[in-house]
Amino acid sequence: MIDLRSDTVTRPTPGMLEAMFSAKVGDDVFGEDETVNALEEKAAAMMGSEAAIFCPSGTMTNQIAIKCFTNPLEEVICDETAHVYRYEGGGIAFNSAASVRLLYGDRGRLTAEEIEHHINPADNIHHPKSTLVVLENTVNRGGGSIYTVDQIEPIYHLCRLKGLFLHLDGARLFNALVETGDEPTEYGRMFDGISICLSKGLGTPVGSVLLGSRETITKARRIRRVPGGGWRQAGFLAAAGIYALDNHINRLKEDHEHAKSLAK
């Protein structure tokens, strides 16, 4: 049977299983799991970010990032199809006590012009303060629509100009990168936070990584702890992530070709 419900229903390959069973582990809450540490360092280096934190899910990495970059009574700007709004259980309200400004982009993709039009004046006490912009690449509800670096660049400059943080829900970022050929390090340059899922097209059993500055990731570790996200010998799962980053990124091209064949 070929299961097309989701790219989350994968199984570990024999090579991934071997890497998991041979992982060197320790207590990650104490920072002593060398395989987790290696995954975080590897992911951060790949994306041009200073640091990273390994978490159980992309929902957790997204929600941690939103809490890192907002305060209560502030506002998150995102597309109305965004995963952080539609599929994370109302977490923005529950975890961060933040408002959401929904925009209507092209298959989930926003432009700097559209975002600028909806940034609230900082001195108007009637409106929540616009603090964070969240983009998604690829856009799940957009049928896998993608941003290129050139399309993101104006949004990055707008956020710097207006003093807004910029976060990327990059659950399927590598699917976009294998098509555009853009350098991953360009994302680390532009985004304050990047969430990367390892358990979708890359095929690991569990796990996502949040990337950002050292200051952001230090804050993220404290936030992760609160809902019980601190884990112990997580290196068995981190080993699968390292294997996926080393061996499965280029194989996403195969997935894309299969999808095109099905479409035809």
Protein backbone atom coordinates (compact mmCIF):
# COMPACT_ATOMS: atom_id res chain seq x y z
CA MET A 1 0.00 0.00 0.00
CA ILE A 2 1.16 3.54 -0.80
CA ASP A 3 -0.14 5.81 1.97
CA LEU A 4 -0.68 9.36 0.66
CA ARG A 5 -2.48 10.82 3.68
CA SER A 6 0.60 12.72 4.81
CA ASP A 7 4.39 12.89 4.57
CA THR A 8 4.42 12.09 8.29
CA VAL A 9 3.61 8.38 7.88
CA THR A 10 7.16 7.39 6.95
CA ARG A 11 9.19 4.56 8.47
CA PRO A 12 12.92 4.69 9.30
CA THR A 13 15.22 3.22 6.65
CA PRO A 14 17.62 0.42 7.66
CA GLY A 15 20.50 2.91 7.67
CA MET A 16 18.58 5.28 9.92
CA LEU A 17 17.71 2.49 12.33
CA GLU A 18 21.35 1.47 12.51
CA ALA A 19 22.35 5.05 13.31
CA MET A 20 19.70 5.23 16.04
CA PHE A 21 20.71 2.00 17.73
CA SER A 22 24.40 2.98 17.78
CA ALA A 23 23.86 6.54 19.10
CA LYS A 24 25.82 7.80 22.08
CA VAL A 25 23.35 9.30 24.53
CA GLY A 26 23.23 11.24 27.78
CA ASP A 27 20.81 13.47 29.67
CA ASP A 28 19.73 16.29 27.35
CA VAL A 29 18.22 18.39 30.16
CA PHE A 30 21.75 18.57 31.59
CA GLY A 31 23.14 19.23 28.11
CA GLU A 32 24.98 15.90 28.21
CA ASP A 33 23.52 14.06 25.22
CA GLU A 34 26.31 14.38 22.67
CA THR A 35 24.14 13.20 19.78
CA VAL A 36 21.50 15.84 20.50
CA ASN A 37 24.25 18.43 20.78
CA ALA A 38 25.70 17.27 17.45
CA LEU A 39 22.31 17.52 15.72
CA GLU A 40 21.73 21.03 17.05
CA GLU A 41 25.18 22.18 15.98
CA LYS A 42 24.80 20.58 12.56
CA ALA A 43 21.38 22.11 11.89
CA ALA A 44 22.50 25.56 13.02
CA ALA A 45 25.58 25.42 10.79
CA MET A 46 23.53 24.28 7.79
CA MET A 47 21.13 27.20 8.13
CA GLY A 48 23.63 29.88 9.10
CA SER A 49 22.14 30.31 12.58
CA GLU A 50 23.99 30.67 15.87
CA ALA A 51 22.22 27.93 17.81
CA ALA A 52 19.43 25.36 17.79
CA ILE A 53 17.20 23.34 20.11
CA PHE A 54 15.78 19.87 19.40
CA CYS A 55 12.08 19.41 20.23
CA PRO A 56 9.45 16.68 19.79
CA SER A 57 7.37 18.46 17.15
CA GLY A 58 7.08 21.36 14.74
CA THR A 59 4.09 22.65 16.65
CA MET A 60 6.28 22.94 19.74
CA THR A 61 9.11 24.71 17.90
CA ASN A 62 6.67 27.15 16.30
CA GLN A 63 4.89 27.88 19.57
CA ILE A 64 8.16 28.33 21.45
CA ALA A 65 9.34 30.77 18.78
CA ILE A 66 6.12 32.80 18.95
CA LYS A 67 6.46 33.06 22.72
CA CYS A 68 10.11 34.07 22.37
CA PHE A 69 9.24 36.90 19.98
CA THR A 70 5.99 38.28 21.48
CA ASN A 71 4.56 39.54 24.74
CA PRO A 72 0.92 39.36 25.84
CA LEU A 73 -1.35 41.87 24.04
CA GLU A 74 0.92 41.95 20.98
CA GLU A 75 0.07 40.69 17.49
CA VAL A 76 1.30 38.01 15.09
CA ILE A 77 0.90 38.66 11.35
CA CYS A 78 0.48 35.56 9.16
CA ASP A 79 -1.51 34.18 6.24
CA GLU A 80 -4.96 32.82 6.98
CA THR A 81 -3.83 29.36 5.85
CA ALA A 82 -0.82 29.32 8.22
CA HIS A 83 -0.21 26.16 10.20
CA VAL A 84 0.54 28.22 13.33
CA TYR A 85 -3.01 29.57 13.14
CA ARG A 86 -5.07 26.69 11.73
CA TYR A 87 -3.47 23.53 13.08
CA GLU A 88 -1.78 24.27 16.39
CA GLY A 89 -4.83 24.14 18.62
CA GLY A 90 -5.17 27.86 19.27
CA GLY A 91 -1.70 27.79 20.78
CA ILE A 92 -0.92 31.43 19.96
CA ALA A 93 -3.72 32.54 22.29
CA PHE A 94 -3.08 29.90 24.95
CA ASN A 95 0.71 30.02 25.10
CA SER A 96 1.48 33.63 24.22
CA ALA A 97 -1.75 35.57 24.88
CA ALA A 98 -1.18 37.25 21.52
CA SER A 99 -3.59 38.43 18.85
CA VAL A 100 -3.40 37.29 15.22
CA ARG A 101 -3.76 39.44 12.09
CA LEU A 102 -4.75 37.18 9.20
CA LEU A 103 -3.77 38.15 5.66
CA TYR A 104 -4.88 36.59 2.37
CA GLY A 105 -1.85 35.85 0.23
CA ASP A 106 -1.28 34.01 -3.01
CA ARG A 107 -1.64 30.35 -2.06
CA GLY A 108 -0.42 31.31 1.40
CA ARG A 109 2.49 33.49 0.26
CA LEU A 110 2.64 37.08 1.48
CA THR A 111 4.37 40.16 0.09
CA ALA A 112 6.08 43.02 1.89
CA GLU A 113 3.49 45.45 0.53
CA GLU A 114 0.60 43.43 1.94
CA ILE A 115 2.28 43.04 5.33
CA GLU A 116 3.19 46.73 5.60
CA HIS A 117 -0.42 47.74 5.05
CA HIS A 118 -1.47 45.74 8.14
CA ILE A 119 1.22 46.76 10.66
CA ASN A 120 -0.50 48.58 13.51
CA PRO A 121 0.82 52.00 14.60
CA ALA A 122 2.96 51.39 17.68
CA ASP A 123 1.57 54.46 19.48
CA ASN A 124 -2.13 53.59 19.04
CA ILE A 125 -3.31 51.99 22.28
CA HIS A 126 -6.55 50.78 20.65
CA HIS A 127 -4.68 48.14 18.65
CA PRO A 128 -2.35 45.31 19.64
CA LYS A 129 1.28 46.06 18.91
CA SER A 130 2.46 44.31 15.72
CA THR A 131 5.52 42.35 16.80
CA LEU A 132 6.03 39.23 14.70
CA VAL A 133 5.58 38.09 11.10
CA VAL A 134 5.35 34.34 10.45
CA LEU A 135 5.93 32.88 6.99
CA GLU A 136 5.55 29.23 5.95
CA ASN A 137 7.77 27.52 3.37
CA THR A 138 6.53 25.39 1.78
CA VAL A 139 2.89 26.40 2.34
CA ASN A 140 0.98 23.28 3.30
CA ARG A 141 -2.50 24.66 2.55
CA GLY A 142 -1.11 26.31 -0.56
CA GLY A 143 -0.55 22.92 -2.17
CA GLY A 144 3.17 23.07 -1.54
CA SER A 145 3.64 26.60 -2.89
CA ILE A 146 7.11 27.98 -2.19
CA TYR A 147 8.95 31.20 -1.49
CA THR A 148 12.33 31.92 -3.04
CA VAL A 149 14.96 33.90 -1.15
CA ASP A 150 14.36 36.81 -3.54
CA GLN A 151 10.68 36.87 -2.53
CA ILE A 152 11.51 36.80 1.19
CA GLU A 153 14.21 39.49 1.04
CA PRO A 154 11.76 42.47 0.85
CA ILE A 155 9.82 41.07 3.82
CA TYR A 156 13.05 40.75 5.79
CA HIS A 157 13.98 44.37 5.08
CA LEU A 158 10.47 45.56 6.01
CA CYS A 159 10.65 43.74 9.36
CA ARG A 160 14.06 45.27 10.11
CA LEU A 161 12.76 48.72 9.19
CA LYS A 162 9.62 48.40 11.31
CA GLY A 163 11.26 46.59 14.24
CA LEU A 164 9.32 43.34 13.80
CA PHE A 165 10.63 39.83 14.37
CA LEU A 166 10.46 37.35 11.46
CA HIS A 167 9.88 33.62 12.03
CA LEU A 168 9.77 30.82 9.48
CA ASP A 169 7.62 27.73 9.83
CA GLY A 170 9.99 25.70 7.68
CA ALA A 171 8.40 22.32 8.31
CA ARG A 172 9.04 21.46 4.67
CA LEU A 173 11.79 23.98 3.97
CA PHE A 174 14.11 21.43 2.36
CA ASN A 175 11.39 20.59 -0.15
CA ALA A 176 11.59 24.22 -1.26
CA LEU A 177 15.38 24.36 -1.21
CA VAL A 178 15.87 21.34 -3.49
CA GLU A 179 13.64 23.06 -6.07
CA THR A 180 14.92 26.65 -5.82
CA GLY A 181 18.59 25.89 -5.28
CA ASP A 182 18.73 28.72 -2.73
CA GLU A 183 21.47 28.60 -0.09
CA PRO A 184 20.13 27.48 3.32
CA THR A 185 22.39 29.98 5.08
CA GLU A 186 20.38 32.81 3.51
CA TYR A 187 17.52 31.80 5.80
CA GLY A 188 19.67 32.09 8.92
CA ARG A 189 20.61 35.59 7.80
CA MET A 190 17.02 36.74 7.37
CA PHE A 191 14.95 34.96 10.01
CA ASP A 192 15.01 35.46 13.77
CA GLY A 193 13.58 31.97 14.20
CA ILE A 194 13.40 28.93 11.91
CA SER A 195 11.46 25.76 12.63
CA ILE A 196 12.54 22.68 10.66
CA CYS A 197 10.66 19.39 10.84
CA LEU A 198 12.69 16.19 10.56
CA SER A 199 9.75 13.76 10.68
CA LYS A 200 8.03 14.70 7.43
CA GLY A 201 9.74 14.29 4.07
CA LEU A 202 13.10 13.69 5.74
CA GLY A 203 11.65 10.56 7.33
CA THR A 204 12.67 10.53 10.99
CA PRO A 205 10.31 9.02 13.58
CA VAL A 206 10.12 12.14 15.79
CA GLY A 207 11.51 15.62 16.02
CA SER A 208 11.87 19.22 14.91
CA VAL A 209 14.59 21.80 15.41
CA LEU A 210 14.23 25.49 16.26
CA LEU A 211 17.09 27.71 15.13
CA GLY A 212 17.97 31.26 16.10
CA SER A 213 20.42 33.42 17.97
CA ARG A 214 22.10 32.09 21.11
CA GLU A 215 19.97 34.48 23.16
CA THR A 216 16.76 33.21 21.53
CA ILE A 217 17.66 29.55 22.00
CA THR A 218 18.60 30.10 25.65
CA LYS A 219 15.13 31.57 26.16
CA ALA A 220 13.61 28.72 24.14
CA ARG A 221 15.13 26.12 26.49
CA ARG A 222 13.35 27.69 29.44
CA ILE A 223 10.05 27.83 27.53
CA ARG A 224 10.43 24.22 26.31
CA ARG A 225 10.81 23.07 29.90
CA VAL A 226 7.45 24.43 31.05
CA PRO A 227 5.10 22.11 29.05
CA GLY A 228 7.35 19.12 29.77
CA GLY A 229 9.51 19.40 26.66
CA GLY A 230 12.78 18.66 28.41
CA TRP A 231 13.80 15.14 27.54
CA ARG A 232 16.55 12.79 28.60
CA GLN A 233 18.35 10.30 26.34
CA ALA A 234 16.93 11.87 23.20
CA GLY A 235 20.06 11.07 21.22
CA PHE A 236 18.42 7.95 19.79
CA LEU A 237 15.98 10.29 18.01
CA ALA A 238 18.61 12.94 17.25
CA ALA A 239 20.71 10.30 15.49
CA ALA A 240 17.84 9.77 13.07
CA GLY A 241 17.81 13.52 12.43
CA ILE A 242 21.54 13.61 11.68
CA TYR A 243 21.15 10.66 9.32
CA ALA A 244 18.25 12.35 7.55
CA LEU A 245 20.16 15.61 7.05
CA ASP A 246 23.11 13.65 5.66
CA ASN A 247 21.20 11.26 3.42
CA HIS A 248 17.59 12.26 2.73
CA ILE A 249 17.57 15.87 1.55
CA ASN A 250 18.43 15.06 -2.06
CA ARG A 251 15.86 12.25 -2.04
CA LEU A 252 13.11 14.86 -1.74
CA LYS A 253 13.59 15.31 -5.49
CA GLU A 254 12.30 11.76 -5.91
CA ASP A 255 9.18 12.65 -3.91
CA HIS A 256 8.58 15.65 -6.16
CA GLU A 257 8.92 13.56 -9.31
CA HIS A 258 6.49 10.98 -7.91
CA ALA A 259 4.01 13.76 -7.10
CA LYS A 260 4.29 15.16 -10.64
CA SER A 261 3.67 11.70 -12.08
CA LEU A 262 0.55 11.31 -9.96
CA ALA A 263 -0.65 14.77 -11.01
CA LYS A 264 -0.27 13.87 -14.69
